[in-house]
Every structure is written in structure tokens, then in C-alpha cells.
């Protein structure tokens, strides 16, 4: 674990804070800590939602510190690229609902972190960009893959190929974030969504997330429908399915077991 990543748990929600001032940049250490923390959260049945945010009120994360790549060391670059890949793949594959509370600048690997989450809430002063090509690099942590899926090829090319920076209002308009809130309000709104997610069956949420993400794969619609039916039937082998239906019929809150 690392002092650059702080984690707190409250009821069914975990909060991960990127804490590397002044710009909350990513390091190999903090990326490895993020992956390790998410692995632990996946084993904690009490946690059903995850919020990730940046320390302070100016930066969500400015991505990697460019000094890391100043010496042109290919081996070091490969280590960082692999660390980014592992960390954000872990975030994408978190079994519950992940929410980015974008409380400031989300640049490069900072924006890619937010893109790896299920939902994104941005404060009105936030700025977002993928400026890697302006310094002879490219987004290597999912930016070229996740961004077009969310905003379409045209806007993805404007941000990546033209280096365009956008504000929170524009990000909401093009579908990069789901909601814009006032400065200082991203965590409270993210927490509301996390609590709503925690009321859902964990068994259902993990399978629904799998199905939604699989829609990105180059498969036929018929194959997607087949997967829906298979996972629907699979739920009948879980305790949560029986509990959910019984709780509804008895007009009481469900007590989920996650199994």
C-alpha cells in the first residue's frame, strides 16, 4: 500500500483519495497501491460501491509526472505503462459500482482514471484533457479505447489529436460526465449514487455490469441477448435472488449477502 493513496470505508461505500500534492500525479507506487486496494475491496463483501477523488479542491489528478519520462528510458516507460494498465483495468473490473468525483483538473492519466469508472460526477470548475500527443506521447491507460465509446469518434479525436481541453459543462454535453455539480459538491453527489447502488443486489449488479461492458465487444445483438438470459437464470442459484423477491413480497428492505 502507499501513503499516496488513502482509503476509507463507510457502511457499504469505499472512498479512495489520490493524495500526491500539489497535482495528485500518479506514480508507479500509487498505481500499484490502487490495484492492490481494489483487489482487497473485491474480497470485502460489505463494500458495494467505490468513489475515487483527488485530495484538495484544484486537482482530481494531473496524470503522470512528465519528469518520469524526461530521460527517455524505455524500460521505465514500459514499467509505468504496465502499472497504469493494471491499475485502471482493476478499477474497470471492480465488481461493484465505481464513481469518479472529479473535483478539479483531470488531465492525461487523471482523466483516464475517471474514464475507467462506471460513472463520473464533475464539479463546475473542472477541466479535462488528454494532452499526451502535445509532448510526444499518447494515452496508454485506456484513453484511446474508453473515450470514443463515451463521446464518439469525433470528440475523441478533438481531445486526443487536437489537444482540446474542455470544461465540465462541455463534458456533460458530449457525454463524458453524467452530471455537473457546484464546486465542492462532487463527493456528496457521488455518495448519494453510491448509496443508491448499495441498495441493489450485489449479485445482480456484477452481472448487469458484465453485460453492459460486453456491449462494447464486437459481438452480435443476438449473442448479447443470449448472455442476458444465461446470467438471468444464473441468478436463481444465488441467495440474493431468493432474498430480493421475498423482501419485496414482505414489503421490507432486502438484506443482501452478495452470494
C-alpha atoms as a PDB file:
ATOM      1  CA  UNK A   1       0.000   0.000   0.000  1.00  0.00           C
ATOM      2  CA  UNK A   2       1.065   3.641  -0.251  1.00  0.00           C
ATOM      3  CA  UNK A   3       0.663   6.966   1.506  1.00  0.00           C
ATOM      4  CA  UNK A   4      -0.148   8.409  -1.924  1.00  0.00           C
ATOM      5  CA  UNK A   5      -3.498   6.575  -1.893  1.00  0.00           C
ATOM      6  CA  UNK A   6      -5.878   6.936   1.042  1.00  0.00           C
ATOM      7  CA  UNK A   7      -8.823   4.601   1.519  1.00  0.00           C
ATOM      8  CA  UNK A   8     -11.791   4.939   3.856  1.00  0.00           C
ATOM      9  CA  UNK A   9     -14.801   2.693   4.302  1.00  0.00           C
ATOM     10  CA  UNK A  10     -18.212   3.874   5.435  1.00  0.00           C
ATOM     11  CA  UNK A  11     -21.038   1.352   5.564  1.00  0.00           C
ATOM     12  CA  UNK A  12     -21.138  -0.200   2.064  1.00  0.00           C
ATOM     13  CA  UNK A  13     -19.063   2.504   0.338  1.00  0.00           C
ATOM     14  CA  UNK A  14     -15.278   2.804  -0.031  1.00  0.00           C
ATOM     15  CA  UNK A  15     -13.621   6.133  -0.841  1.00  0.00           C
ATOM     16  CA  UNK A  16     -10.177   6.201  -2.461  1.00  0.00           C
ATOM     17  CA  UNK A  17      -8.386   9.559  -2.452  1.00  0.00           C
ATOM     18  CA  UNK A  18      -5.418  10.282  -4.726  1.00  0.00           C
ATOM     19  CA  UNK A  19      -3.146  12.155  -2.314  1.00  0.00           C
ATOM     20  CA  UNK A  20       0.025  13.313  -4.049  1.00  0.00           C
ATOM     21  CA  UNK A  21       0.016  17.122  -3.895  1.00  0.00           C
ATOM     22  CA  UNK A  22       0.164  19.531  -5.493  1.00  0.00           C
ATOM     23  CA  UNK A  23      -1.348  17.917  -8.626  1.00  0.00           C
ATOM     24  CA  UNK A  24      -2.180  14.387  -7.406  1.00  0.00           C
ATOM     25  CA  UNK A  25       0.075  12.885 -10.062  1.00  0.00           C
ATOM     26  CA  UNK A  26       0.316   9.135 -10.488  1.00  0.00           C
ATOM     27  CA  UNK A  27       3.479   7.224  -9.659  1.00  0.00           C
ATOM     28  CA  UNK A  28       4.296   3.564 -10.109  1.00  0.00           C
ATOM     29  CA  UNK A  29       3.861   3.185  -6.338  1.00  0.00           C
ATOM     30  CA  UNK A  30       0.430   4.805  -6.247  1.00  0.00           C
ATOM     31  CA  UNK A  31      -0.781   2.860  -9.296  1.00  0.00           C
ATOM     32  CA  UNK A  32       0.271  -0.428  -7.713  1.00  0.00           C
ATOM     33  CA  UNK A  33      -1.435   0.634  -4.486  1.00  0.00           C
ATOM     34  CA  UNK A  34      -4.658   1.419  -6.356  1.00  0.00           C
ATOM     35  CA  UNK A  35      -4.699  -2.038  -7.947  1.00  0.00           C
ATOM     36  CA  UNK A  36      -3.963  -3.703  -4.591  1.00  0.00           C
ATOM     37  CA  UNK A  37      -6.669  -1.723  -2.799  1.00  0.00           C
ATOM     38  CA  UNK A  38      -9.280  -2.638  -5.392  1.00  0.00           C
ATOM     39  CA  UNK A  39      -8.278  -6.293  -5.159  1.00  0.00           C
ATOM     40  CA  UNK A  40      -8.884  -6.106  -1.397  1.00  0.00           C
ATOM     41  CA  UNK A  41     -12.239  -4.355  -1.903  1.00  0.00           C
ATOM     42  CA  UNK A  42     -13.349  -7.102  -4.271  1.00  0.00           C
ATOM     43  CA  UNK A  43     -12.837  -9.556  -1.391  1.00  0.00           C
ATOM     44  CA  UNK A  44     -14.779  -7.421   1.104  1.00  0.00           C
ATOM     45  CA  UNK A  45     -18.411  -8.449   0.742  1.00  0.00           C
ATOM     46  CA  UNK A  46     -19.567  -5.430   2.751  1.00  0.00           C
ATOM     47  CA  UNK A  47     -18.363  -2.979   0.072  1.00  0.00           C
ATOM     48  CA  UNK A  48     -20.703  -2.488  -2.863  1.00  0.00           C
ATOM     49  CA  UNK A  49     -19.622   0.879  -4.276  1.00  0.00           C
ATOM     50  CA  UNK A  50     -16.372   2.778  -4.722  1.00  0.00           C
ATOM     51  CA  UNK A  51     -15.738   6.520  -5.069  1.00  0.00           C
ATOM     52  CA  UNK A  52     -12.392   7.858  -6.271  1.00  0.00           C
ATOM     53  CA  UNK A  53     -11.444  11.519  -5.927  1.00  0.00           C
ATOM     54  CA  UNK A  54      -8.448  13.809  -5.586  1.00  0.00           C
ATOM     55  CA  UNK A  55      -7.061  15.456  -2.464  1.00  0.00           C
ATOM     56  CA  UNK A  56      -7.777  19.191  -2.254  1.00  0.00           C
ATOM     57  CA  UNK A  57     -10.025  21.282  -4.450  1.00  0.00           C
ATOM     58  CA  UNK A  58      -7.929  22.040  -7.533  1.00  0.00           C
ATOM     59  CA  UNK A  59      -6.842  18.678  -8.965  1.00  0.00           C
ATOM     60  CA  UNK A  60      -8.570  15.370  -9.399  1.00  0.00           C
ATOM     61  CA  UNK A  61      -5.318  14.183 -10.971  1.00  0.00           C
ATOM     62  CA  UNK A  62      -2.916  15.670 -13.491  1.00  0.00           C
ATOM     63  CA  UNK A  63      -1.825  12.188 -14.625  1.00  0.00           C
ATOM     64  CA  UNK A  64       1.793  11.106 -14.656  1.00  0.00           C
ATOM     65  CA  UNK A  65       4.599  13.481 -13.736  1.00  0.00           C
ATOM     66  CA  UNK A  66       6.382  14.144 -17.046  1.00  0.00           C
ATOM     67  CA  UNK A  67       9.724  14.148 -15.244  1.00  0.00           C
ATOM     68  CA  UNK A  68       9.286  10.372 -15.131  1.00  0.00           C
ATOM     69  CA  UNK A  69       9.843  10.230 -18.883  1.00  0.00           C
ATOM     70  CA  UNK A  70      12.437  13.007 -19.240  1.00  0.00           C
ATOM     71  CA  UNK A  71      15.409  10.658 -19.613  1.00  0.00           C
ATOM     72  CA  UNK A  72      13.777   8.665 -22.431  1.00  0.00           C
ATOM     73  CA  UNK A  73      14.307   5.383 -20.581  1.00  0.00           C
ATOM     74  CA  UNK A  74      12.256   2.788 -22.479  1.00  0.00           C
ATOM     75  CA  UNK A  75      12.325   0.264 -19.633  1.00  0.00           C
ATOM     76  CA  UNK A  76      10.991   2.821 -17.166  1.00  0.00           C
ATOM     77  CA  UNK A  77       8.311   3.890 -19.643  1.00  0.00           C
ATOM     78  CA  UNK A  78       7.254   0.267 -20.059  1.00  0.00           C
ATOM     79  CA  UNK A  79       7.023  -0.211 -16.293  1.00  0.00           C
ATOM     80  CA  UNK A  80       4.804   2.856 -15.966  1.00  0.00           C
ATOM     81  CA  UNK A  81       2.608   1.855 -18.909  1.00  0.00           C
ATOM     82  CA  UNK A  82       2.094  -1.620 -17.443  1.00  0.00           C
ATOM     83  CA  UNK A  83       1.354  -0.152 -13.999  1.00  0.00           C
ATOM     84  CA  UNK A  84      -1.238   2.203 -15.491  1.00  0.00           C
ATOM     85  CA  UNK A  85      -2.795  -0.701 -17.364  1.00  0.00           C
ATOM     86  CA  UNK A  86      -3.036  -2.952 -14.317  1.00  0.00           C
ATOM     87  CA  UNK A  87      -4.410  -0.212 -12.076  1.00  0.00           C
ATOM     88  CA  UNK A  88      -7.120   1.036 -14.387  1.00  0.00           C
ATOM     89  CA  UNK A  89      -8.067  -2.467 -15.531  1.00  0.00           C
ATOM     90  CA  UNK A  90      -8.600  -3.289 -11.857  1.00  0.00           C
ATOM     91  CA  UNK A  91     -10.756  -0.178 -11.497  1.00  0.00           C
ATOM     92  CA  UNK A  92     -12.803  -1.075 -14.577  1.00  0.00           C
ATOM     93  CA  UNK A  93     -13.287  -4.627 -13.287  1.00  0.00           C
ATOM     94  CA  UNK A  94     -14.280  -3.662  -9.748  1.00  0.00           C
ATOM     95  CA  UNK A  95     -17.262  -5.927  -9.054  1.00  0.00           C
ATOM     96  CA  UNK A  96     -19.427  -3.080  -7.707  1.00  0.00           C
ATOM     97  CA  UNK A  97     -20.231   0.423  -8.928  1.00  0.00           C
ATOM     98  CA  UNK A  98     -17.293   2.842  -9.300  1.00  0.00           C
ATOM     99  CA  UNK A  99     -17.801   6.614  -9.365  1.00  0.00           C
ATOM    100  CA  UNK A 100     -15.247   9.328 -10.136  1.00  0.00           C
ATOM    101  CA  UNK A 101     -15.834  12.516  -8.144  1.00  0.00           C
ATOM    102  CA  UNK A 102     -13.919  14.906 -10.404  1.00  0.00           C
ATOM    103  CA  UNK A 103     -13.111  17.787  -8.087  1.00  0.00           C
ATOM    104  CA  UNK A 104     -10.743  19.686 -10.361  1.00  0.00           C
ATOM    105  CA  UNK A 105      -8.334  19.221 -13.245  1.00  0.00           C
ATOM    106  CA  UNK A 106      -8.430  15.700 -14.731  1.00  0.00           C
ATOM    107  CA  UNK A 107      -5.614  15.569 -17.245  1.00  0.00           C
ATOM    108  CA  UNK A 108      -3.961  12.676 -19.075  1.00  0.00           C
ATOM    109  CA  UNK A 109      -3.802   9.675 -16.744  1.00  0.00           C
ATOM    110  CA  UNK A 110      -6.095  11.546 -14.371  1.00  0.00           C
ATOM    111  CA  UNK A 111      -8.864  11.621 -16.960  1.00  0.00           C
ATOM    112  CA  UNK A 112      -8.118   8.022 -17.915  1.00  0.00           C
ATOM    113  CA  UNK A 113      -8.705   7.084 -14.280  1.00  0.00           C
ATOM    114  CA  UNK A 114     -12.135   8.721 -14.420  1.00  0.00           C
ATOM    115  CA  UNK A 115     -12.852   7.008 -17.748  1.00  0.00           C
ATOM    116  CA  UNK A 116     -12.184   3.638 -16.096  1.00  0.00           C
ATOM    117  CA  UNK A 117     -15.044   4.253 -13.639  1.00  0.00           C
ATOM    118  CA  UNK A 118     -18.688   3.416 -14.223  1.00  0.00           C
ATOM    119  CA  UNK A 119     -19.911   6.957 -13.551  1.00  0.00           C
ATOM    120  CA  UNK A 120     -18.378  10.436 -13.475  1.00  0.00           C
ATOM    121  CA  UNK A 121     -19.563  13.451 -11.462  1.00  0.00           C
ATOM    122  CA  UNK A 122     -17.691  16.690 -12.219  1.00  0.00           C
ATOM    123  CA  UNK A 123     -17.582  19.935 -10.291  1.00  0.00           C
ATOM    124  CA  UNK A 124     -18.366  23.013 -12.369  1.00  0.00           C
ATOM    125  CA  UNK A 125     -14.775  24.302 -12.281  1.00  0.00           C
ATOM    126  CA  UNK A 126     -13.251  21.023 -13.501  1.00  0.00           C
ATOM    127  CA  UNK A 127     -11.187  20.906 -16.687  1.00  0.00           C
ATOM    128  CA  UNK A 128     -10.490  17.743 -18.697  1.00  0.00           C
ATOM    129  CA  UNK A 129      -7.979  16.861 -21.400  1.00  0.00           C
ATOM    130  CA  UNK A 130      -5.785  14.132 -22.886  1.00  0.00           C
ATOM    131  CA  UNK A 131      -2.749  16.238 -23.899  1.00  0.00           C
ATOM    132  CA  UNK A 132      -0.216  13.430 -24.362  1.00  0.00           C
ATOM    133  CA  UNK A 133       0.343  13.992 -28.086  1.00  0.00           C
ATOM    134  CA  UNK A 134       1.467  17.566 -27.371  1.00  0.00           C
ATOM    135  CA  UNK A 135       4.544  16.181 -25.602  1.00  0.00           C
ATOM    136  CA  UNK A 136       5.251  13.317 -27.983  1.00  0.00           C
ATOM    137  CA  UNK A 137       3.348  10.641 -26.074  1.00  0.00           C
ATOM    138  CA  UNK A 138      -0.089   9.031 -26.289  1.00  0.00           C
ATOM    139  CA  UNK A 139      -2.752   7.964 -23.794  1.00  0.00           C
ATOM    140  CA  UNK A 140      -1.703   4.449 -22.724  1.00  0.00           C
ATOM    141  CA  UNK A 141      -4.163   3.746 -19.902  1.00  0.00           C
ATOM    142  CA  UNK A 142      -7.391   3.276 -21.814  1.00  0.00           C
ATOM    143  CA  UNK A 143      -7.910   6.804 -23.122  1.00  0.00           C
ATOM    144  CA  UNK A 144      -7.988   5.895 -26.816  1.00  0.00           C
ATOM    145  CA  UNK A 145     -10.346   2.992 -26.070  1.00  0.00           C
ATOM    146  CA  UNK A 146     -12.754   4.339 -23.456  1.00  0.00           C
ATOM    147  CA  UNK A 147     -13.173   7.913 -24.675  1.00  0.00           C
ATOM    148  CA  UNK A 148     -14.611   7.097 -28.154  1.00  0.00           C
ATOM    149  CA  UNK A 149     -17.105   4.728 -26.542  1.00  0.00           C
ATOM    150  CA  UNK A 150     -18.425   7.530 -24.323  1.00  0.00           C
ATOM    151  CA  UNK A 151     -18.290  10.579 -26.593  1.00  0.00           C
ATOM    152  CA  UNK A 152     -17.984   9.222 -30.133  1.00  0.00           C
ATOM    153  CA  UNK A 153     -15.053   9.196 -32.504  1.00  0.00           C
ATOM    154  CA  UNK A 154     -15.249  12.870 -33.461  1.00  0.00           C
ATOM    155  CA  UNK A 155     -14.963  14.308 -29.945  1.00  0.00           C
ATOM    156  CA  UNK A 156     -12.373  11.698 -29.014  1.00  0.00           C
ATOM    157  CA  UNK A 157     -10.244  12.898 -31.935  1.00  0.00           C
ATOM    158  CA  UNK A 158     -10.683  16.537 -30.914  1.00  0.00           C
ATOM    159  CA  UNK A 159      -9.443  15.820 -27.399  1.00  0.00           C
ATOM    160  CA  UNK A 160      -6.660  13.383 -28.338  1.00  0.00           C
ATOM    161  CA  UNK A 161      -5.494  14.533 -31.787  1.00  0.00           C
ATOM    162  CA  UNK A 162      -6.087  18.269 -31.406  1.00  0.00           C
ATOM    163  CA  UNK A 163      -5.282  18.510 -27.706  1.00  0.00           C
ATOM    164  CA  UNK A 164      -8.566  20.248 -26.928  1.00  0.00           C
ATOM    165  CA  UNK A 165      -9.308  20.957 -23.261  1.00  0.00           C
ATOM    166  CA  UNK A 166     -12.944  21.070 -22.176  1.00  0.00           C
ATOM    167  CA  UNK A 167     -14.765  22.325 -19.126  1.00  0.00           C
ATOM    168  CA  UNK A 168     -17.327  20.435 -17.068  1.00  0.00           C
ATOM    169  CA  UNK A 169     -20.327  21.854 -18.915  1.00  0.00           C
ATOM    170  CA  UNK A 170     -18.966  20.737 -22.280  1.00  0.00           C
ATOM    171  CA  UNK A 171     -18.019  17.350 -20.809  1.00  0.00           C
ATOM    172  CA  UNK A 172     -21.614  16.819 -19.708  1.00  0.00           C
ATOM    173  CA  UNK A 173     -22.964  17.940 -23.077  1.00  0.00           C
ATOM    174  CA  UNK A 174     -20.895  15.407 -25.014  1.00  0.00           C
ATOM    175  CA  UNK A 175     -21.465  12.559 -22.533  1.00  0.00           C
ATOM    176  CA  UNK A 176     -18.032  12.450 -20.938  1.00  0.00           C
ATOM    177  CA  UNK A 177     -19.546  13.012 -17.481  1.00  0.00           C
ATOM    178  CA  UNK A 178     -23.032  12.123 -16.302  1.00  0.00           C
ATOM    179  CA  UNK A 179     -23.598  15.173 -14.105  1.00  0.00           C
ATOM    180  CA  UNK A 180     -22.098  18.551 -13.176  1.00  0.00           C
ATOM    181  CA  UNK A 181     -22.422  19.886  -9.657  1.00  0.00           C
ATOM    182  CA  UNK A 182     -21.335  23.010  -7.810  1.00  0.00           C
ATOM    183  CA  UNK A 183     -17.774  23.363  -6.571  1.00  0.00           C
ATOM    184  CA  UNK A 184     -17.256  21.207  -3.502  1.00  0.00           C
ATOM    185  CA  UNK A 185     -20.330  19.046  -4.137  1.00  0.00           C
ATOM    186  CA  UNK A 186     -18.935  16.127  -6.167  1.00  0.00           C
ATOM    187  CA  UNK A 187     -18.303  13.882  -3.167  1.00  0.00           C
ATOM    188  CA  UNK A 188     -21.762  14.335  -1.662  1.00  0.00           C
ATOM    189  CA  UNK A 189     -23.454  13.618  -5.006  1.00  0.00           C
ATOM    190  CA  UNK A 190     -21.186  10.641  -5.661  1.00  0.00           C
ATOM    191  CA  UNK A 191     -22.014   9.333  -2.196  1.00  0.00           C
ATOM    192  CA  UNK A 192     -25.744   9.592  -2.929  1.00  0.00           C
ATOM    193  CA  UNK A 193     -25.276   7.488  -6.059  1.00  0.00           C
ATOM    194  CA  UNK A 194     -23.041   5.024  -4.203  1.00  0.00           C
ATOM    195  CA  UNK A 195     -25.667   4.550  -1.502  1.00  0.00           C
ATOM    196  CA  UNK A 196     -28.342   4.008  -4.160  1.00  0.00           C
ATOM    197  CA  UNK A 197     -26.120   1.362  -5.772  1.00  0.00           C
ATOM    198  CA  UNK A 198     -25.570  -0.338  -2.416  1.00  0.00           C
ATOM    199  CA  UNK A 199     -29.324  -0.956  -2.134  1.00  0.00           C
ATOM    200  CA  UNK A 200     -29.179  -3.158  -5.222  1.00  0.00           C
ATOM    201  CA  UNK A 201     -28.337  -6.841  -5.143  1.00  0.00           C
ATOM    202  CA  UNK A 202     -24.538  -7.232  -5.459  1.00  0.00           C
ATOM    203  CA  UNK A 203     -25.076 -10.421  -7.461  1.00  0.00           C
ATOM    204  CA  UNK A 204     -27.353  -8.577  -9.879  1.00  0.00           C
ATOM    205  CA  UNK A 205     -25.101  -5.512 -10.129  1.00  0.00           C
ATOM    206  CA  UNK A 206     -21.987  -7.518 -11.004  1.00  0.00           C
ATOM    207  CA  UNK A 207     -23.798  -9.421 -13.746  1.00  0.00           C
ATOM    208  CA  UNK A 208     -25.516  -6.318 -15.127  1.00  0.00           C
ATOM    209  CA  UNK A 209     -22.164  -4.549 -15.240  1.00  0.00           C
ATOM    210  CA  UNK A 210     -20.666  -7.510 -17.093  1.00  0.00           C
ATOM    211  CA  UNK A 211     -23.462  -7.367 -19.661  1.00  0.00           C
ATOM    212  CA  UNK A 212     -23.254  -3.597 -20.147  1.00  0.00           C
ATOM    213  CA  UNK A 213     -19.495  -3.728 -20.615  1.00  0.00           C
ATOM    214  CA  UNK A 214     -19.807  -6.659 -23.022  1.00  0.00           C
ATOM    215  CA  UNK A 215     -21.861  -4.441 -25.342  1.00  0.00           C
ATOM    216  CA  UNK A 216     -18.520  -2.847 -26.311  1.00  0.00           C
ATOM    217  CA  UNK A 217     -17.303  -6.133 -27.747  1.00  0.00           C
ATOM    218  CA  UNK A 218     -17.746  -6.836 -31.402  1.00  0.00           C
ATOM    219  CA  UNK A 219     -20.496  -9.409 -30.923  1.00  0.00           C
ATOM    220  CA  UNK A 220     -23.963  -9.754 -32.394  1.00  0.00           C
ATOM    221  CA  UNK A 221     -27.051  -8.446 -30.644  1.00  0.00           C
ATOM    222  CA  UNK A 222     -28.384 -11.990 -30.563  1.00  0.00           C
ATOM    223  CA  UNK A 223     -25.295 -13.066 -28.630  1.00  0.00           C
ATOM    224  CA  UNK A 224     -25.882 -10.274 -26.129  1.00  0.00           C
ATOM    225  CA  UNK A 225     -29.467 -11.357 -25.621  1.00  0.00           C
ATOM    226  CA  UNK A 226     -28.275 -14.934 -25.096  1.00  0.00           C
ATOM    227  CA  UNK A 227     -25.870 -13.751 -22.401  1.00  0.00           C
ATOM    228  CA  UNK A 228     -28.698 -11.838 -20.700  1.00  0.00           C
ATOM    229  CA  UNK A 229     -30.848 -14.937 -20.482  1.00  0.00           C
ATOM    230  CA  UNK A 230     -27.976 -17.099 -19.235  1.00  0.00           C
ATOM    231  CA  UNK A 231     -26.991 -14.678 -16.465  1.00  0.00           C
ATOM    232  CA  UNK A 232     -30.655 -14.144 -15.546  1.00  0.00           C
ATOM    233  CA  UNK A 233     -31.051 -17.878 -14.937  1.00  0.00           C
ATOM    234  CA  UNK A 234     -27.697 -17.973 -13.134  1.00  0.00           C
ATOM    235  CA  UNK A 235     -29.072 -15.564 -10.536  1.00  0.00           C
ATOM    236  CA  UNK A 236     -31.523 -18.252  -9.417  1.00  0.00           C
ATOM    237  CA  UNK A 237     -28.620 -20.131  -7.872  1.00  0.00           C
ATOM    238  CA  UNK A 238     -27.892 -17.186  -5.527  1.00  0.00           C
ATOM    239  CA  UNK A 239     -29.238 -16.419  -2.071  1.00  0.00           C
ATOM    240  CA  UNK A 240     -29.736 -12.799  -3.119  1.00  0.00           C
ATOM    241  CA  UNK A 241     -32.337 -13.728  -5.732  1.00  0.00           C
ATOM    242  CA  UNK A 242     -34.468 -15.506  -3.151  1.00  0.00           C
ATOM    243  CA  UNK A 243     -33.972 -12.726  -0.602  1.00  0.00           C
ATOM    244  CA  UNK A 244     -34.801  -9.969  -3.096  1.00  0.00           C
ATOM    245  CA  UNK A 245     -38.107 -11.455  -4.192  1.00  0.00           C
ATOM    246  CA  UNK A 246     -39.104 -12.394  -0.638  1.00  0.00           C
ATOM    247  CA  UNK A 247     -38.251  -8.930   0.706  1.00  0.00           C
ATOM    248  CA  UNK A 248     -40.361  -7.313  -1.988  1.00  0.00           C
ATOM    249  CA  UNK A 249     -43.336  -9.555  -1.228  1.00  0.00           C
ATOM    250  CA  UNK A 250     -42.948  -8.905   2.501  1.00  0.00           C
ATOM    251  CA  UNK A 251     -42.595  -5.146   1.913  1.00  0.00           C
ATOM    252  CA  UNK A 252     -39.263  -4.859   3.748  1.00  0.00           C
ATOM    253  CA  UNK A 253     -35.706  -3.847   2.767  1.00  0.00           C
ATOM    254  CA  UNK A 254     -33.636  -6.694   1.402  1.00  0.00           C
ATOM    255  CA  UNK A 255     -30.658  -7.965   3.371  1.00  0.00           C
ATOM    256  CA  UNK A 256     -28.104  -8.775   0.701  1.00  0.00           C
ATOM    257  CA  UNK A 257     -25.435 -11.429   1.199  1.00  0.00           C
ATOM    258  CA  UNK A 258     -23.611 -10.971  -2.083  1.00  0.00           C
ATOM    259  CA  UNK A 259     -23.876 -14.645  -2.872  1.00  0.00           C
END
